[in-house]
Amino acid sequence: MREKKSSAQKSIPNPMNLVNRGRLGLAKKERSTAIRERKITEALLSVGCSFVRSMDGNNKTWHR
């Protein structure tokens, strides 16, 4: 009985997953870019660099 129940639940898609997938469709690229930037930042910090965001907030510059 329990196995049948779980398979039936799997066949029903979770509406929240569908909503999130639709909403994050465009943001997925930005999110992966942010993750990549964070990994690069952590790598450079371990080497001894610091990540400095310029005053306007758009341009990103590296300072040793």
Protein backbone atom coordinates (compact mmCIF):
# COMPACT_ATOMS: atom_id res chain seq x y z
CA MET A 1 0.00 0.00 0.00
CA ARG A 2 2.75 2.43 0.93
CA GLU A 3 4.66 1.90 -2.35
CA LYS A 4 1.50 2.56 -4.41
CA LYS A 5 0.87 5.74 -2.46
CA SER A 6 4.39 7.12 -3.03
CA SER A 7 4.27 6.34 -6.78
CA ALA A 8 0.94 8.15 -7.04
CA GLN A 9 2.39 11.18 -5.26
CA LYS A 10 5.40 11.19 -7.60
CA SER A 11 3.14 11.26 -10.67
CA ILE A 12 1.46 14.46 -9.40
CA PRO A 13 3.72 17.48 -10.12
CA ASN A 14 4.27 19.87 -7.26
CA PRO A 15 2.66 23.20 -8.26
CA MET A 16 5.24 25.17 -6.25
CA ASN A 17 8.02 23.51 -8.25
CA LEU A 18 6.31 24.52 -11.49
CA VAL A 19 5.84 28.09 -10.26
CA ASN A 20 9.45 28.37 -9.12
CA ARG A 21 10.74 26.84 -12.35
CA GLY A 22 8.77 29.39 -14.39
CA ARG A 23 9.80 32.30 -12.20
CA LEU A 24 13.49 31.33 -12.10
CA GLY A 25 13.70 30.59 -15.83
CA LEU A 26 15.24 33.98 -16.60
CA ALA A 27 17.03 34.36 -13.28
CA LYS A 28 18.80 30.99 -13.59
CA LYS A 29 21.56 32.47 -15.77
CA GLU A 30 22.04 35.38 -13.37
CA ARG A 31 22.11 33.03 -10.39
CA SER A 32 24.77 30.80 -11.98
CA THR A 33 26.80 33.91 -12.85
CA ALA A 34 26.56 35.10 -9.25
CA ILE A 35 27.69 31.68 -7.99
CA ARG A 36 30.61 31.71 -10.44
CA GLU A 37 31.60 35.22 -9.32
CA ARG A 38 31.42 34.17 -5.68
CA LYS A 39 33.67 31.15 -6.35
CA ILE A 40 36.17 33.38 -8.19
CA THR A 41 36.02 35.87 -5.33
CA GLU A 42 36.70 33.17 -2.74
CA ALA A 43 39.59 31.80 -4.80
CA LEU A 44 41.20 35.24 -5.15
CA LEU A 45 40.62 36.00 -1.45
CA SER A 46 42.48 32.80 -0.58
CA VAL A 47 45.35 34.03 -2.80
CA GLY A 48 45.31 37.38 -1.01
CA CYS A 49 43.10 39.64 -3.15
CA SER A 50 39.98 41.47 -2.03
CA PHE A 51 36.82 42.06 -4.02
CA VAL A 52 35.90 45.74 -4.13
CA ARG A 53 32.69 47.02 -5.73
CA SER A 54 33.10 50.57 -7.01
CA MET A 55 30.91 53.42 -5.73
CA ASP A 56 28.28 53.22 -8.51
CA GLY A 57 27.72 49.53 -7.74
CA ASN A 58 27.80 48.38 -11.36
CA ASN A 59 31.50 48.23 -12.19
CA LYS A 60 33.48 45.54 -10.41
CA THR A 61 37.20 46.05 -9.93
CA TRP A 62 39.89 43.82 -8.42
CA HIS A 63 42.41 45.29 -5.99
CA ARG A 64 45.41 43.37 -4.69
